[in-house]
Amino acid sequence: MNLSEEYSADDLNFLEPADSAMDSVDLSRETFKKNLQEVAIITRDFTRTIVTTLLPDAIAYTIHYGCSYDDNPLVDDEKTFPEDYDQEPITTTSAEHVTSLLWRDGFVPEWINVTVSHEDGKFTYILLECCGRYSAIPKNMYHIQQGRPPFNVLGPPMPPGYRNPETDGKFDLYWRRK
């Protein structure tokens, strides 16, 4: 396809996870909290491999609710919480507090993007950008293949042209502010 040709979403092929992958998805409160804690550590440790900024071991979480377009009709067993869209971000150092805010009677955001946002010398702040649609059904969860649905570990924004630490070295987490 050359760049002048039209294309649409009809051109995309989606791979559905195998049913066996769905069988292993545990959306219990305990597993949600465990996955949250694990992905926070994985995200911090991954970010340490590409940035020069010192990231403290202690973790704080910042929740951003409703980071998705949710005006499409909901499918079976999906909910939205309209009050979330007016919420200011919430920051806490407690994984238990995060779990109490995001695990709602078995319903959890269908995806949560996880990245390091900043540090303050005491804490590494983990940004949780949450889908506005909640579900209690594994087939509605994103990032099943990553092993800790609904969490998706992301790196921090990278400088333009940055390829990798081997060729370009590490970069300052705050490169955009300079």
C-alpha atoms as a PDB file:
ATOM      1  CA  MET A   1       0.000   0.000   0.000  1.00  0.00           C
ATOM      2  CA  ASN A   2       1.428   3.387  -0.854  1.00  0.00           C
ATOM      3  CA  LEU A   3       0.810   6.355   1.415  1.00  0.00           C
ATOM      4  CA  SER A   4      -1.771   7.925  -0.872  1.00  0.00           C
ATOM      5  CA  GLU A   5      -4.083   4.878  -0.737  1.00  0.00           C
ATOM      6  CA  GLU A   6      -7.074   4.903   1.569  1.00  0.00           C
ATOM      7  CA  TYR A   7      -7.239   2.373   4.349  1.00  0.00           C
ATOM      8  CA  SER A   8      -9.644   1.595   7.140  1.00  0.00           C
ATOM      9  CA  ALA A   9      -9.955  -0.474  10.276  1.00  0.00           C
ATOM     10  CA  ASP A  10     -11.383  -3.193   8.018  1.00  0.00           C
ATOM     11  CA  ASP A  11      -7.802  -3.760   6.873  1.00  0.00           C
ATOM     12  CA  LEU A  12      -6.696  -4.791  10.363  1.00  0.00           C
ATOM     13  CA  ASN A  13      -6.549  -8.389  11.535  1.00  0.00           C
ATOM     14  CA  PHE A  14      -7.165  -9.037  15.208  1.00  0.00           C
ATOM     15  CA  LEU A  15      -5.956 -12.133  16.980  1.00  0.00           C
ATOM     16  CA  GLU A  16      -8.237 -13.375  19.710  1.00  0.00           C
ATOM     17  CA  PRO A  17      -6.542 -14.937  22.736  1.00  0.00           C
ATOM     18  CA  ALA A  18      -6.961 -18.679  23.003  1.00  0.00           C
ATOM     19  CA  ASP A  19      -9.719 -19.891  25.305  1.00  0.00           C
ATOM     20  CA  SER A  20      -7.038 -21.505  27.469  1.00  0.00           C
ATOM     21  CA  ALA A  21      -5.570 -18.041  28.102  1.00  0.00           C
ATOM     22  CA  MET A  22      -8.985 -16.855  29.296  1.00  0.00           C
ATOM     23  CA  ASP A  23      -9.252 -19.784  31.701  1.00  0.00           C
ATOM     24  CA  SER A  24      -6.125 -18.635  33.523  1.00  0.00           C
ATOM     25  CA  VAL A  25      -7.279 -15.019  34.050  1.00  0.00           C
ATOM     26  CA  ASP A  26      -7.920 -14.343  37.724  1.00  0.00           C
ATOM     27  CA  LEU A  27      -9.718 -11.074  38.426  1.00  0.00           C
ATOM     28  CA  SER A  28      -9.990 -11.636  42.172  1.00  0.00           C
ATOM     29  CA  ARG A  29      -9.211  -8.725  44.459  1.00  0.00           C
ATOM     30  CA  GLU A  30      -6.090 -10.441  45.812  1.00  0.00           C
ATOM     31  CA  THR A  31      -4.702 -11.147  42.345  1.00  0.00           C
ATOM     32  CA  PHE A  32      -5.500  -7.632  41.133  1.00  0.00           C
ATOM     33  CA  LYS A  33      -3.497  -6.179  44.043  1.00  0.00           C
ATOM     34  CA  LYS A  34      -0.636  -8.641  43.501  1.00  0.00           C
ATOM     35  CA  ASN A  35      -0.509  -7.827  39.775  1.00  0.00           C
ATOM     36  CA  LEU A  36      -0.561  -4.093  40.561  1.00  0.00           C
ATOM     37  CA  GLN A  37       2.419  -4.423  42.896  1.00  0.00           C
ATOM     38  CA  GLU A  38       4.337  -6.614  40.445  1.00  0.00           C
ATOM     39  CA  VAL A  39       3.794  -4.346  37.438  1.00  0.00           C
ATOM     40  CA  ALA A  40       4.811  -1.292  39.466  1.00  0.00           C
ATOM     41  CA  ILE A  41       8.154  -2.939  40.272  1.00  0.00           C
ATOM     42  CA  ILE A  42       8.586  -4.198  36.698  1.00  0.00           C
ATOM     43  CA  THR A  43       7.831  -0.711  35.323  1.00  0.00           C
ATOM     44  CA  ARG A  44      10.246   1.005  37.731  1.00  0.00           C
ATOM     45  CA  ASP A  45      13.004  -1.533  37.072  1.00  0.00           C
ATOM     46  CA  PHE A  46      12.553  -1.396  33.289  1.00  0.00           C
ATOM     47  CA  THR A  47      12.640   2.401  33.357  1.00  0.00           C
ATOM     48  CA  ARG A  48      15.887   2.260  35.347  1.00  0.00           C
ATOM     49  CA  THR A  49      17.492   0.455  32.385  1.00  0.00           C
ATOM     50  CA  ILE A  50      16.894   3.392  30.030  1.00  0.00           C
ATOM     51  CA  VAL A  51      17.037   6.565  32.143  1.00  0.00           C
ATOM     52  CA  THR A  52      19.849   8.269  34.043  1.00  0.00           C
ATOM     53  CA  THR A  53      17.436   9.642  36.633  1.00  0.00           C
ATOM     54  CA  LEU A  54      17.721   7.841  39.976  1.00  0.00           C
ATOM     55  CA  LEU A  55      14.432   6.124  40.761  1.00  0.00           C
ATOM     56  CA  PRO A  56      13.830   5.345  44.456  1.00  0.00           C
ATOM     57  CA  ASP A  57      12.738   1.850  45.440  1.00  0.00           C
ATOM     58  CA  ALA A  58       9.621   3.143  47.235  1.00  0.00           C
ATOM     59  CA  ILE A  59       6.588   3.412  44.973  1.00  0.00           C
ATOM     60  CA  ALA A  60       3.656   5.822  44.869  1.00  0.00           C
ATOM     61  CA  TYR A  61       0.735   5.434  42.491  1.00  0.00           C
ATOM     62  CA  THR A  62      -1.195   8.122  40.605  1.00  0.00           C
ATOM     63  CA  ILE A  63      -4.577   7.039  39.221  1.00  0.00           C
ATOM     64  CA  HIS A  64      -6.001   8.770  36.151  1.00  0.00           C
ATOM     65  CA  TYR A  65      -9.577   7.615  35.610  1.00  0.00           C
ATOM     66  CA  GLY A  66     -11.487   7.475  32.331  1.00  0.00           C
ATOM     67  CA  CYS A  67      -8.594   7.535  29.857  1.00  0.00           C
ATOM     68  CA  SER A  68     -10.658   5.964  27.089  1.00  0.00           C
ATOM     69  CA  TYR A  69     -13.459   6.860  24.722  1.00  0.00           C
ATOM     70  CA  ASP A  70     -16.481   5.237  26.322  1.00  0.00           C
ATOM     71  CA  ASP A  71     -19.470   6.482  24.331  1.00  0.00           C
ATOM     72  CA  ASN A  72     -19.749   3.246  22.348  1.00  0.00           C
ATOM     73  CA  PRO A  73     -22.504   0.919  23.565  1.00  0.00           C
ATOM     74  CA  LEU A  74     -21.379  -1.283  26.406  1.00  0.00           C
ATOM     75  CA  VAL A  75     -21.189  -5.039  25.866  1.00  0.00           C
ATOM     76  CA  ASP A  76     -22.364  -7.667  28.324  1.00  0.00           C
ATOM     77  CA  ASP A  77     -21.016  -7.193  31.806  1.00  0.00           C
ATOM     78  CA  GLU A  78     -19.394  -3.795  31.176  1.00  0.00           C
ATOM     79  CA  LYS A  79     -19.948  -0.798  33.399  1.00  0.00           C
ATOM     80  CA  THR A  80     -18.820   2.796  33.459  1.00  0.00           C
ATOM     81  CA  PHE A  81     -18.747   5.079  36.458  1.00  0.00           C
ATOM     82  CA  PRO A  82     -19.662   8.561  35.194  1.00  0.00           C
ATOM     83  CA  GLU A  83     -18.388  10.223  38.369  1.00  0.00           C
ATOM     84  CA  ASP A  84     -14.873   9.023  37.483  1.00  0.00           C
ATOM     85  CA  TYR A  85     -14.643  11.373  34.524  1.00  0.00           C
ATOM     86  CA  ASP A  86     -14.756  14.406  36.807  1.00  0.00           C
ATOM     87  CA  GLN A  87     -12.187  13.012  39.237  1.00  0.00           C
ATOM     88  CA  GLU A  88      -8.845  14.697  39.674  1.00  0.00           C
ATOM     89  CA  PRO A  89      -5.907  12.251  39.667  1.00  0.00           C
ATOM     90  CA  ILE A  90      -5.456  10.475  42.984  1.00  0.00           C
ATOM     91  CA  THR A  91      -1.981   9.767  44.381  1.00  0.00           C
ATOM     92  CA  THR A  92      -1.294   7.259  47.132  1.00  0.00           C
ATOM     93  CA  THR A  93       1.603   5.138  48.371  1.00  0.00           C
ATOM     94  CA  SER A  94      -0.715   2.228  49.184  1.00  0.00           C
ATOM     95  CA  ALA A  95      -1.391  -0.621  46.750  1.00  0.00           C
ATOM     96  CA  GLU A  96      -4.317  -1.504  49.025  1.00  0.00           C
ATOM     97  CA  HIS A  97      -5.799   1.972  48.515  1.00  0.00           C
ATOM     98  CA  VAL A  98      -5.392   1.690  44.726  1.00  0.00           C
ATOM     99  CA  THR A  99      -7.074  -1.709  44.815  1.00  0.00           C
ATOM    100  CA  SER A 100      -9.966  -0.354  46.881  1.00  0.00           C
ATOM    101  CA  LEU A 101     -10.482   2.403  44.284  1.00  0.00           C
ATOM    102  CA  LEU A 102     -10.163   0.298  41.111  1.00  0.00           C
ATOM    103  CA  TRP A 103     -11.514  -3.132  42.098  1.00  0.00           C
ATOM    104  CA  ARG A 104     -15.258  -2.556  42.318  1.00  0.00           C
ATOM    105  CA  ASP A 105     -17.199  -5.661  43.375  1.00  0.00           C
ATOM    106  CA  GLY A 106     -15.236  -7.769  40.901  1.00  0.00           C
ATOM    107  CA  PHE A 107     -15.269  -5.159  38.130  1.00  0.00           C
ATOM    108  CA  VAL A 108     -11.903  -3.700  37.089  1.00  0.00           C
ATOM    109  CA  PRO A 109     -10.806  -1.361  34.270  1.00  0.00           C
ATOM    110  CA  GLU A 110     -10.460  -3.355  31.046  1.00  0.00           C
ATOM    111  CA  TRP A 111      -6.958  -1.936  30.596  1.00  0.00           C
ATOM    112  CA  ILE A 112      -4.537   0.050  32.727  1.00  0.00           C
ATOM    113  CA  ASN A 113      -1.422   1.571  31.147  1.00  0.00           C
ATOM    114  CA  VAL A 114       1.440   1.720  33.641  1.00  0.00           C
ATOM    115  CA  THR A 115       4.466   4.004  33.348  1.00  0.00           C
ATOM    116  CA  VAL A 116       6.906   5.957  35.498  1.00  0.00           C
ATOM    117  CA  SER A 117       5.841   9.602  35.542  1.00  0.00           C
ATOM    118  CA  HIS A 118       8.421  11.127  37.905  1.00  0.00           C
ATOM    119  CA  GLU A 119      10.293  10.798  41.185  1.00  0.00           C
ATOM    120  CA  ASP A 120      10.749  13.091  44.148  1.00  0.00           C
ATOM    121  CA  GLY A 121      13.827  11.581  45.791  1.00  0.00           C
ATOM    122  CA  LYS A 122      11.670   9.461  48.117  1.00  0.00           C
ATOM    123  CA  PHE A 123       9.220   7.769  45.742  1.00  0.00           C
ATOM    124  CA  THR A 124       9.048   6.615  42.152  1.00  0.00           C
ATOM    125  CA  TYR A 125       5.614   7.675  40.905  1.00  0.00           C
ATOM    126  CA  ILE A 126       3.806   5.081  38.835  1.00  0.00           C
ATOM    127  CA  LEU A 127       1.124   6.524  36.569  1.00  0.00           C
ATOM    128  CA  LEU A 128      -1.967   4.330  36.144  1.00  0.00           C
ATOM    129  CA  GLU A 129      -3.988   5.470  33.123  1.00  0.00           C
ATOM    130  CA  CYS A 130      -7.260   3.564  33.429  1.00  0.00           C
ATOM    131  CA  CYS A 131      -9.873   2.582  30.891  1.00  0.00           C
ATOM    132  CA  GLY A 132     -13.301   3.960  31.742  1.00  0.00           C
ATOM    133  CA  ARG A 133     -15.014   0.650  30.957  1.00  0.00           C
ATOM    134  CA  TYR A 134     -15.005  -1.901  33.787  1.00  0.00           C
ATOM    135  CA  SER A 135     -15.719  -5.600  33.501  1.00  0.00           C
ATOM    136  CA  ALA A 136     -15.645  -8.774  35.546  1.00  0.00           C
ATOM    137  CA  ILE A 137     -15.295 -11.037  32.505  1.00  0.00           C
ATOM    138  CA  PRO A 138     -11.832 -12.188  31.366  1.00  0.00           C
ATOM    139  CA  LYS A 139     -12.700 -11.974  27.636  1.00  0.00           C
ATOM    140  CA  ASN A 140     -13.153  -8.205  28.054  1.00  0.00           C
ATOM    141  CA  MET A 141      -9.675  -7.718  29.529  1.00  0.00           C
ATOM    142  CA  TYR A 142      -6.792  -6.369  27.492  1.00  0.00           C
ATOM    143  CA  HIS A 143      -3.147  -7.500  27.862  1.00  0.00           C
ATOM    144  CA  ILE A 144      -3.909 -11.106  28.767  1.00  0.00           C
ATOM    145  CA  GLN A 145      -0.805 -12.322  26.904  1.00  0.00           C
ATOM    146  CA  GLN A 146       1.378 -10.130  29.118  1.00  0.00           C
ATOM    147  CA  GLY A 147       0.350 -12.267  32.074  1.00  0.00           C
ATOM    148  CA  ARG A 148      -1.086  -9.641  34.417  1.00  0.00           C
ATOM    149  CA  PRO A 149      -4.324  -8.362  32.910  1.00  0.00           C
ATOM    150  CA  PRO A 150      -5.496  -5.633  32.768  1.00  0.00           C
ATOM    151  CA  PHE A 151      -2.045  -4.063  33.257  1.00  0.00           C
ATOM    152  CA  ASN A 152       0.150  -2.908  30.369  1.00  0.00           C
ATOM    153  CA  VAL A 153       3.740  -1.918  31.226  1.00  0.00           C
ATOM    154  CA  LEU A 154       5.016   1.028  29.180  1.00  0.00           C
ATOM    155  CA  GLY A 155       8.298   2.889  29.128  1.00  0.00           C
ATOM    156  CA  PRO A 156       8.523   6.636  29.630  1.00  0.00           C
ATOM    157  CA  PRO A 157       8.304   9.069  26.706  1.00  0.00           C
ATOM    158  CA  MET A 158      11.594   8.935  24.811  1.00  0.00           C
ATOM    159  CA  PRO A 159      13.523  11.755  23.152  1.00  0.00           C
ATOM    160  CA  PRO A 160      12.998  12.138  19.396  1.00  0.00           C
ATOM    161  CA  GLY A 161      15.190   9.748  17.450  1.00  0.00           C
ATOM    162  CA  TYR A 162      16.027   7.661  20.515  1.00  0.00           C
ATOM    163  CA  ARG A 163      16.543   4.004  19.590  1.00  0.00           C
ATOM    164  CA  ASN A 164      17.867   2.090  22.591  1.00  0.00           C
ATOM    165  CA  PRO A 165      20.386   2.314  25.456  1.00  0.00           C
ATOM    166  CA  GLU A 166      23.011   0.281  23.560  1.00  0.00           C
ATOM    167  CA  THR A 167      23.278   2.764  20.691  1.00  0.00           C
ATOM    168  CA  ASP A 168      22.103   6.004  22.316  1.00  0.00           C
ATOM    169  CA  GLY A 169      22.845   5.501  26.008  1.00  0.00           C
ATOM    170  CA  LYS A 170      20.378   6.356  28.739  1.00  0.00           C
ATOM    171  CA  PHE A 171      18.388   9.586  28.812  1.00  0.00           C
ATOM    172  CA  ASP A 172      17.128  11.901  31.543  1.00  0.00           C
ATOM    173  CA  LEU A 173      13.530  11.127  32.521  1.00  0.00           C
ATOM    174  CA  TYR A 174      12.892  14.887  32.420  1.00  0.00           C
ATOM    175  CA  TRP A 175      14.399  15.490  28.948  1.00  0.00           C
ATOM    176  CA  ARG A 176      11.264  17.380  27.797  1.00  0.00           C
ATOM    177  CA  ARG A 177      11.652  20.008  30.516  1.00  0.00           C
ATOM    178  CA  LYS A 178      15.133  21.046  29.407  1.00  0.00           C
END
